[in-house]
């Protein structure tokens, strides 16, 4: 499979995950670039498209988390860092949803976002996140409950 085809196939998915995790369009672009650069450097044949997709999701999440940690550390060092432009603030309901998602426990937010926004199945989530399917189902249930509580 050509590298151009992989980018065309998975670009939207990788970018959406990066935006969801970084909450910043510029950082999401950095994560997007880093993810596909890592893919090119890996030069590995994947057993299936599901494996390739899972690998890209996992790498995107890892790069996003690493970038978030780096920003958090620099923000702790310099409290005067201005807030950066955020995505999804245009629509009031989207802003409420964003606020609710930010208040959720990270493991619940992660499964909710990947399940609903990236439309991954419970089985795919378990594979990507390295968790049992029953754990993912429980986290989805609890995540929905938390989300419902924050939105009412």
N, C-alpha and C. Protein backbone atom coordinates (compact mmCIF):
# COMPACT_ATOMS: atom_id res chain seq x y z
N UNK A 1 0.85 -1.17 0.00
CA UNK A 1 0.00 0.00 0.00
C UNK A 1 0.90 1.24 0.00
N UNK A 2 0.61 2.18 -0.88
CA UNK A 2 1.46 3.37 -0.99
C UNK A 2 1.26 4.30 0.20
N UNK A 3 2.31 5.06 0.48
CA UNK A 3 2.25 6.00 1.60
C UNK A 3 1.22 7.08 1.36
N UNK A 4 1.07 7.53 0.11
CA UNK A 4 0.07 8.54 -0.21
C UNK A 4 -1.34 8.03 0.08
N UNK A 5 -1.57 6.77 -0.24
CA UNK A 5 -2.89 6.18 0.01
C UNK A 5 -3.16 6.13 1.51
N UNK A 6 -2.16 5.79 2.29
CA UNK A 6 -2.33 5.72 3.75
C UNK A 6 -2.68 7.10 4.30
N UNK A 7 -1.99 8.11 3.84
CA UNK A 7 -2.29 9.47 4.31
C UNK A 7 -3.70 9.88 3.92
N UNK A 8 -4.07 9.65 2.66
CA UNK A 8 -5.42 10.02 2.22
C UNK A 8 -6.49 9.26 2.99
N UNK A 9 -6.22 8.02 3.31
CA UNK A 9 -7.20 7.18 4.00
C UNK A 9 -7.36 7.57 5.47
N UNK A 10 -6.25 7.88 6.14
CA UNK A 10 -6.29 8.06 7.59
C UNK A 10 -6.05 9.49 8.06
N UNK A 11 -5.86 10.42 7.15
CA UNK A 11 -5.55 11.80 7.54
C UNK A 11 -6.64 12.42 8.42
N UNK A 12 -7.89 12.31 8.00
CA UNK A 12 -8.99 12.90 8.78
C UNK A 12 -9.07 12.29 10.18
N UNK A 13 -8.95 11.00 10.26
CA UNK A 13 -9.03 10.31 11.55
C UNK A 13 -7.91 10.79 12.48
N UNK A 14 -6.68 10.81 11.98
CA UNK A 14 -5.53 11.21 12.79
C UNK A 14 -5.70 12.67 13.24
N UNK A 15 -6.10 13.53 12.34
CA UNK A 15 -6.25 14.95 12.68
C UNK A 15 -7.35 15.17 13.72
N UNK A 16 -8.48 14.50 13.57
CA UNK A 16 -9.58 14.65 14.53
C UNK A 16 -9.17 14.18 15.91
N UNK A 17 -8.47 13.07 15.98
CA UNK A 17 -8.00 12.57 17.28
C UNK A 17 -7.02 13.58 17.89
N UNK A 18 -6.12 14.09 17.08
CA UNK A 18 -5.14 15.06 17.58
C UNK A 18 -5.82 16.32 18.09
N UNK A 19 -6.81 16.82 17.38
CA UNK A 19 -7.54 18.01 17.82
C UNK A 19 -8.26 17.72 19.13
N UNK A 20 -8.88 16.56 19.22
CA UNK A 20 -9.63 16.20 20.43
C UNK A 20 -8.70 16.15 21.64
N UNK A 21 -7.52 15.60 21.47
CA UNK A 21 -6.60 15.45 22.60
C UNK A 21 -5.83 16.73 22.92
N UNK A 22 -5.38 17.46 21.89
CA UNK A 22 -4.57 18.65 22.15
C UNK A 22 -5.41 19.88 22.42
N UNK A 23 -6.65 19.88 21.91
CA UNK A 23 -7.58 21.01 22.05
C UNK A 23 -6.98 22.29 21.45
N UNK A 24 -6.13 22.11 20.45
CA UNK A 24 -5.45 23.23 19.84
C UNK A 24 -5.11 22.85 18.39
N UNK A 25 -5.52 23.68 17.46
CA UNK A 25 -5.35 23.34 16.05
C UNK A 25 -3.88 23.28 15.62
N UNK A 26 -3.08 24.21 16.11
CA UNK A 26 -1.66 24.21 15.74
C UNK A 26 -0.95 22.98 16.29
N UNK A 27 -1.25 22.63 17.54
CA UNK A 27 -0.65 21.43 18.13
C UNK A 27 -1.13 20.17 17.42
N UNK A 28 -2.40 20.16 17.01
CA UNK A 28 -2.94 19.02 16.30
C UNK A 28 -2.19 18.81 14.98
N UNK A 29 -1.84 19.90 14.32
CA UNK A 29 -1.08 19.80 13.08
C UNK A 29 0.32 19.21 13.34
N UNK A 30 0.91 19.61 14.46
CA UNK A 30 2.22 19.05 14.83
C UNK A 30 2.11 17.55 15.09
N UNK A 31 1.08 17.16 15.82
CA UNK A 31 0.87 15.74 16.12
C UNK A 31 0.62 14.97 14.84
N UNK A 32 -0.18 15.53 13.95
CA UNK A 32 -0.46 14.92 12.65
C UNK A 32 0.85 14.65 11.91
N UNK A 33 1.70 15.66 11.83
CA UNK A 33 2.99 15.51 11.14
C UNK A 33 3.87 14.46 11.80
N UNK A 34 3.94 14.53 13.13
CA UNK A 34 4.77 13.57 13.87
C UNK A 34 4.28 12.14 13.69
N UNK A 35 2.98 11.97 13.66
CA UNK A 35 2.40 10.64 13.51
C UNK A 35 2.78 10.03 12.17
N UNK A 36 2.61 10.79 11.10
CA UNK A 36 2.92 10.23 9.78
C UNK A 36 4.42 10.13 9.55
N UNK A 37 5.19 11.00 10.18
CA UNK A 37 6.64 10.86 10.11
C UNK A 37 7.08 9.56 10.79
N UNK A 38 6.48 9.26 11.94
CA UNK A 38 6.78 8.00 12.63
C UNK A 38 6.36 6.80 11.77
N UNK A 39 5.23 6.94 11.09
CA UNK A 39 4.77 5.87 10.20
C UNK A 39 5.78 5.61 9.09
N UNK A 40 6.26 6.68 8.46
CA UNK A 40 7.25 6.52 7.39
C UNK A 40 8.55 5.91 7.90
N UNK A 41 8.95 6.34 9.07
CA UNK A 41 10.20 5.81 9.64
C UNK A 41 10.08 4.36 10.05
N UNK A 42 8.88 3.95 10.44
CA UNK A 42 8.67 2.59 10.91
C UNK A 42 8.94 1.56 9.81
N UNK A 43 8.50 1.85 8.61
CA UNK A 43 8.73 0.97 7.46
C UNK A 43 8.40 -0.49 7.77
N UNK A 44 7.27 -0.70 8.38
CA UNK A 44 6.84 -2.06 8.74
C UNK A 44 5.58 -2.41 7.96
N UNK A 45 5.51 -3.64 7.58
CA UNK A 45 4.28 -4.14 6.96
C UNK A 45 3.34 -4.56 8.09
N UNK A 46 2.10 -4.14 7.99
CA UNK A 46 1.10 -4.48 9.00
C UNK A 46 0.33 -5.71 8.56
N UNK A 47 -0.09 -6.49 9.52
CA UNK A 47 -0.81 -7.73 9.23
C UNK A 47 -2.14 -7.46 8.54
N UNK A 48 -2.76 -6.33 8.88
CA UNK A 48 -4.06 -6.00 8.30
C UNK A 48 -4.27 -4.49 8.37
N UNK A 49 -5.31 -4.03 7.71
CA UNK A 49 -5.64 -2.60 7.77
C UNK A 49 -6.09 -2.21 9.17
N UNK A 50 -6.75 -3.14 9.88
CA UNK A 50 -7.17 -2.86 11.25
C UNK A 50 -5.95 -2.62 12.13
N UNK A 51 -4.89 -3.40 11.92
CA UNK A 51 -3.66 -3.23 12.68
C UNK A 51 -3.00 -1.90 12.36
N UNK A 52 -2.97 -1.53 11.08
CA UNK A 52 -2.40 -0.24 10.67
C UNK A 52 -3.20 0.91 11.32
N UNK A 53 -4.53 0.82 11.26
CA UNK A 53 -5.39 1.85 11.83
C UNK A 53 -5.18 1.95 13.33
N UNK A 54 -5.14 0.82 14.00
CA UNK A 54 -4.92 0.81 15.46
C UNK A 54 -3.57 1.41 15.81
N UNK A 55 -2.55 1.09 15.02
CA UNK A 55 -1.22 1.64 15.27
C UNK A 55 -1.23 3.16 15.12
N UNK A 56 -1.87 3.66 14.06
CA UNK A 56 -1.94 5.11 13.85
C UNK A 56 -2.70 5.81 14.98
N UNK A 57 -3.78 5.21 15.44
CA UNK A 57 -4.55 5.80 16.54
C UNK A 57 -3.70 5.85 17.80
N UNK A 58 -3.05 4.75 18.12
CA UNK A 58 -2.24 4.68 19.33
C UNK A 58 -1.10 5.70 19.29
N UNK A 59 -0.42 5.80 18.16
CA UNK A 59 0.69 6.75 18.02
C UNK A 59 0.19 8.18 18.12
N UNK A 60 -0.96 8.48 17.50
CA UNK A 60 -1.53 9.82 17.57
C UNK A 60 -1.86 10.19 19.02
N UNK A 61 -2.47 9.26 19.74
CA UNK A 61 -2.80 9.52 21.14
C UNK A 61 -1.53 9.74 21.95
N UNK A 62 -0.52 8.92 21.74
CA UNK A 62 0.73 9.07 22.48
C UNK A 62 1.40 10.40 22.20
N UNK A 63 1.49 10.80 20.93
CA UNK A 63 2.10 12.09 20.60
C UNK A 63 1.29 13.24 21.21
N UNK A 64 -0.03 13.13 21.18
CA UNK A 64 -0.89 14.16 21.76
C UNK A 64 -0.67 14.28 23.26
N UNK A 65 -0.62 13.16 23.94
CA UNK A 65 -0.39 13.18 25.38
C UNK A 65 0.99 13.75 25.71
N UNK A 66 1.99 13.36 24.94
CA UNK A 66 3.34 13.89 25.19
C UNK A 66 3.37 15.40 25.01
N UNK A 67 2.71 15.89 23.98
CA UNK A 67 2.66 17.33 23.74
C UNK A 67 1.91 18.03 24.87
N UNK A 68 0.83 17.43 25.32
CA UNK A 68 0.06 18.00 26.43
C UNK A 68 0.92 18.09 27.69
N UNK A 69 1.65 17.03 27.98
CA UNK A 69 2.54 17.04 29.16
C UNK A 69 3.61 18.12 29.03
N UNK A 70 4.16 18.27 27.84
CA UNK A 70 5.18 19.30 27.63
C UNK A 70 4.60 20.69 27.85
N UNK A 71 3.38 20.92 27.35
CA UNK A 71 2.73 22.22 27.54
C UNK A 71 2.41 22.45 29.02
N UNK A 72 1.98 21.41 29.68
CA UNK A 72 1.63 21.53 31.09
C UNK A 72 2.86 21.90 31.92
N UNK A 73 3.98 21.26 31.62
CA UNK A 73 5.22 21.58 32.35
C UNK A 73 5.65 23.01 32.08
N UNK A 74 5.59 23.45 30.82
CA UNK A 74 6.00 24.81 30.52
C UNK A 74 5.03 25.83 31.11
N UNK A 75 3.76 25.49 31.20
CA UNK A 75 2.78 26.38 31.81
C UNK A 75 3.03 26.51 33.31
N UNK A 76 3.45 25.43 33.93
CA UNK A 76 3.77 25.48 35.35
C UNK A 76 4.98 26.38 35.59
N UNK A 77 5.92 26.38 34.65
CA UNK A 77 7.11 27.22 34.78
C UNK A 77 6.80 28.69 34.51
N UNK A 78 5.86 28.94 33.62
CA UNK A 78 5.53 30.31 33.24
C UNK A 78 4.02 30.50 33.25
N UNK A 79 3.50 31.04 34.32
CA UNK A 79 2.05 31.22 34.46
C UNK A 79 1.50 32.28 33.51
N UNK A 80 2.36 33.04 32.86
CA UNK A 80 1.90 34.11 32.00
C UNK A 80 1.68 33.68 30.55
N UNK A 81 1.71 32.40 30.27
CA UNK A 81 1.48 31.92 28.90
C UNK A 81 0.04 32.24 28.50
N UNK A 82 -0.15 32.95 27.41
CA UNK A 82 -1.52 33.27 26.99
C UNK A 82 -2.25 32.01 26.50
N UNK A 83 -3.55 31.99 26.71
CA UNK A 83 -4.32 30.85 26.22
C UNK A 83 -4.32 30.88 24.70
N UNK A 84 -4.25 29.71 24.10
CA UNK A 84 -4.17 29.63 22.65
C UNK A 84 -5.55 29.42 22.05
N UNK A 85 -5.65 29.72 20.78
CA UNK A 85 -6.91 29.57 20.08
C UNK A 85 -7.39 28.13 20.17
N UNK A 86 -8.63 27.95 20.53
CA UNK A 86 -9.20 26.62 20.70
C UNK A 86 -10.19 26.33 19.59
N UNK A 87 -10.35 25.05 19.28
CA UNK A 87 -11.34 24.65 18.30
C UNK A 87 -12.67 24.37 18.98
N UNK A 88 -13.72 24.24 18.22
CA UNK A 88 -15.04 23.81 18.67
C UNK A 88 -15.74 24.82 19.59
N UNK A 89 -15.31 26.07 19.63
CA UNK A 89 -15.94 27.03 20.52
C UNK A 89 -17.06 27.82 19.85
N UNK A 90 -17.29 27.62 18.58
CA UNK A 90 -18.24 28.44 17.84
C UNK A 90 -19.69 28.16 18.23
N UNK A 91 -20.02 26.94 18.47
CA UNK A 91 -21.40 26.57 18.76
C UNK A 91 -21.57 26.39 20.27
N UNK A 92 -22.61 26.97 20.81
CA UNK A 92 -22.83 26.91 22.26
C UNK A 92 -22.91 25.48 22.78
N UNK A 93 -23.67 24.63 22.10
CA UNK A 93 -23.79 23.24 22.53
C UNK A 93 -22.45 22.52 22.47
N UNK A 94 -21.68 22.81 21.45
CA UNK A 94 -20.36 22.21 21.34
C UNK A 94 -19.47 22.66 22.48
N UNK A 95 -19.62 23.92 22.89
CA UNK A 95 -18.83 24.44 24.01
C UNK A 95 -19.24 23.73 25.30
N UNK A 96 -20.55 23.50 25.48
CA UNK A 96 -21.01 22.77 26.66
C UNK A 96 -20.49 21.35 26.67
N UNK A 97 -20.52 20.71 25.52
CA UNK A 97 -20.01 19.35 25.40
C UNK A 97 -18.51 19.31 25.68
N UNK A 98 -17.80 20.28 25.13
CA UNK A 98 -16.35 20.36 25.35
C UNK A 98 -16.05 20.51 26.83
N UNK A 99 -16.77 21.39 27.50
CA UNK A 99 -16.56 21.61 28.93
C UNK A 99 -16.86 20.33 29.71
N UNK A 100 -17.93 19.66 29.34
CA UNK A 100 -18.28 18.41 30.02
C UNK A 100 -17.21 17.35 29.80
N UNK A 101 -16.71 17.24 28.59
CA UNK A 101 -15.66 16.26 28.30
C UNK A 101 -14.39 16.57 29.09
N UNK A 102 -14.06 17.84 29.23
CA UNK A 102 -12.87 18.22 29.98
C UNK A 102 -12.98 17.89 31.46
N UNK A 103 -14.20 17.84 31.98
CA UNK A 103 -14.41 17.54 33.39
C UNK A 103 -14.39 16.04 33.68
N UNK A 104 -14.52 15.24 32.64
CA UNK A 104 -14.57 13.79 32.81
C UNK A 104 -13.21 13.22 33.18
N UNK A 105 -13.25 12.07 33.81
CA UNK A 105 -12.00 11.36 34.06
C UNK A 105 -11.38 11.00 32.71
N UNK A 106 -10.04 11.10 32.59
CA UNK A 106 -9.38 10.89 31.29
C UNK A 106 -9.69 9.56 30.63
N UNK A 107 -9.76 8.47 31.39
CA UNK A 107 -10.01 7.17 30.76
C UNK A 107 -11.43 7.09 30.18
N UNK A 108 -12.38 7.80 30.80
CA UNK A 108 -13.74 7.82 30.28
C UNK A 108 -13.82 8.72 29.05
N UNK A 109 -13.18 9.87 29.13
CA UNK A 109 -13.18 10.81 28.01
C UNK A 109 -12.56 10.15 26.77
N UNK A 110 -11.49 9.41 26.99
CA UNK A 110 -10.78 8.76 25.89
C UNK A 110 -11.69 7.77 25.16
N UNK A 111 -12.35 6.89 25.90
CA UNK A 111 -13.20 5.89 25.24
C UNK A 111 -14.44 6.54 24.62
N UNK A 112 -15.01 7.54 25.26
CA UNK A 112 -16.18 8.24 24.71
C UNK A 112 -15.82 8.90 23.38
N UNK A 113 -14.70 9.62 23.35
CA UNK A 113 -14.29 10.31 22.12
C UNK A 113 -13.99 9.33 20.99
N UNK A 114 -13.25 8.29 21.29
CA UNK A 114 -12.89 7.33 20.24
C UNK A 114 -14.11 6.54 19.78
N UNK A 115 -15.02 6.22 20.68
CA UNK A 115 -16.20 5.43 20.33
C UNK A 115 -17.17 6.26 19.48
N UNK A 116 -17.47 7.49 19.93
CA UNK A 116 -18.48 8.28 19.23
C UNK A 116 -17.91 9.12 18.09
N UNK A 117 -16.74 9.70 18.28
CA UNK A 117 -16.21 10.59 17.25
C UNK A 117 -15.45 9.84 16.16
N UNK A 118 -14.72 8.80 16.55
CA UNK A 118 -13.97 8.04 15.56
C UNK A 118 -14.70 6.76 15.16
N UNK A 119 -15.82 6.50 15.82
CA UNK A 119 -16.68 5.37 15.52
C UNK A 119 -15.94 4.03 15.57
N UNK A 120 -15.08 3.90 16.59
CA UNK A 120 -14.41 2.62 16.80
C UNK A 120 -15.33 1.70 17.58
N UNK A 121 -15.27 0.43 17.28
CA UNK A 121 -16.06 -0.55 18.02
C UNK A 121 -15.39 -0.81 19.37
N UNK A 122 -16.11 -1.48 20.25
CA UNK A 122 -15.56 -1.83 21.55
C UNK A 122 -14.32 -2.71 21.36
N UNK A 123 -14.40 -3.63 20.42
CA UNK A 123 -13.25 -4.52 20.15
C UNK A 123 -12.04 -3.71 19.67
N UNK A 124 -12.27 -2.77 18.76
CA UNK A 124 -11.17 -1.93 18.26
C UNK A 124 -10.60 -1.06 19.37
N UNK A 125 -11.48 -0.51 20.21
CA UNK A 125 -11.02 0.30 21.34
C UNK A 125 -10.14 -0.52 22.27
N UNK A 126 -10.58 -1.72 22.58
CA UNK A 126 -9.80 -2.59 23.46
C UNK A 126 -8.42 -2.85 22.87
N UNK A 127 -8.37 -3.08 21.59
CA UNK A 127 -7.09 -3.36 20.92
C UNK A 127 -6.20 -2.12 20.93
N UNK A 128 -6.76 -0.99 20.56
CA UNK A 128 -5.98 0.25 20.48
C UNK A 128 -5.47 0.69 21.85
N UNK A 129 -6.32 0.59 22.85
CA UNK A 129 -5.97 1.08 24.18
C UNK A 129 -5.27 0.03 25.04
N UNK A 130 -5.24 -1.20 24.56
CA UNK A 130 -4.59 -2.27 25.33
C UNK A 130 -5.36 -2.62 26.58
N UNK A 131 -6.68 -2.61 26.48
CA UNK A 131 -7.55 -2.93 27.61
C UNK A 131 -8.46 -4.09 27.24
N UNK A 132 -9.05 -4.72 28.24
CA UNK A 132 -10.04 -5.77 28.01
C UNK A 132 -11.31 -5.15 27.44
N UNK A 133 -12.04 -5.92 26.64
CA UNK A 133 -13.30 -5.43 26.09
C UNK A 133 -14.29 -5.09 27.21
N UNK A 134 -14.32 -5.90 28.25
CA UNK A 134 -15.24 -5.63 29.36
C UNK A 134 -14.88 -4.33 30.07
N UNK A 135 -13.59 -4.03 30.16
CA UNK A 135 -13.15 -2.77 30.76
C UNK A 135 -13.61 -1.60 29.91
N UNK A 136 -13.49 -1.73 28.60
CA UNK A 136 -13.92 -0.66 27.69
C UNK A 136 -15.42 -0.45 27.80
N UNK A 137 -16.19 -1.53 27.85
CA UNK A 137 -17.65 -1.40 27.99
C UNK A 137 -18.01 -0.70 29.29
N UNK A 138 -17.34 -1.06 30.37
CA UNK A 138 -17.60 -0.43 31.67
C UNK A 138 -17.23 1.05 31.62
N UNK A 139 -16.11 1.37 30.99
CA UNK A 139 -15.69 2.77 30.89
C UNK A 139 -16.65 3.57 30.01
N UNK A 140 -17.18 2.96 28.97
CA UNK A 140 -18.20 3.63 28.15
C UNK A 140 -19.45 3.92 28.97
N UNK A 141 -19.89 2.94 29.72
CA UNK A 141 -21.08 3.11 30.56
C UNK A 141 -20.87 4.22 31.58
N UNK A 142 -19.76 4.18 32.28
CA UNK A 142 -19.48 5.19 33.30
C UNK A 142 -19.23 6.56 32.67
N UNK A 143 -18.61 6.56 31.51
CA UNK A 143 -18.38 7.81 30.80
C UNK A 143 -19.68 8.46 30.38
N UNK A 144 -20.61 7.66 29.88
CA UNK A 144 -21.93 8.19 29.51
C UNK A 144 -22.64 8.76 30.72
N UNK A 145 -22.54 8.06 31.85
CA UNK A 145 -23.17 8.55 33.09
C UNK A 145 -22.57 9.88 33.52
N UNK A 146 -21.25 9.99 33.47
CA UNK A 146 -20.58 11.24 33.83
C UNK A 146 -20.98 12.36 32.88
N UNK A 147 -20.99 12.05 31.60
CA UNK A 147 -21.34 13.04 30.60
C UNK A 147 -22.78 13.53 30.81
N UNK A 148 -23.68 12.62 31.06
CA UNK A 148 -25.07 12.97 31.32
C UNK A 148 -25.17 13.88 32.54
N UNK A 149 -24.41 13.57 33.59
CA UNK A 149 -24.43 14.35 34.83
C UNK A 149 -23.91 15.78 34.56
N UNK A 150 -22.84 15.90 33.80
CA UNK A 150 -22.25 17.21 33.54
C UNK A 150 -23.12 18.06 32.61
N UNK A 151 -23.89 17.42 31.75
CA UNK A 151 -24.70 18.16 30.78
C UNK A 151 -26.09 18.52 31.31
N UNK A 152 -26.47 17.99 32.44
CA UNK A 152 -27.80 18.34 32.99
C UNK A 152 -27.71 19.33 34.11
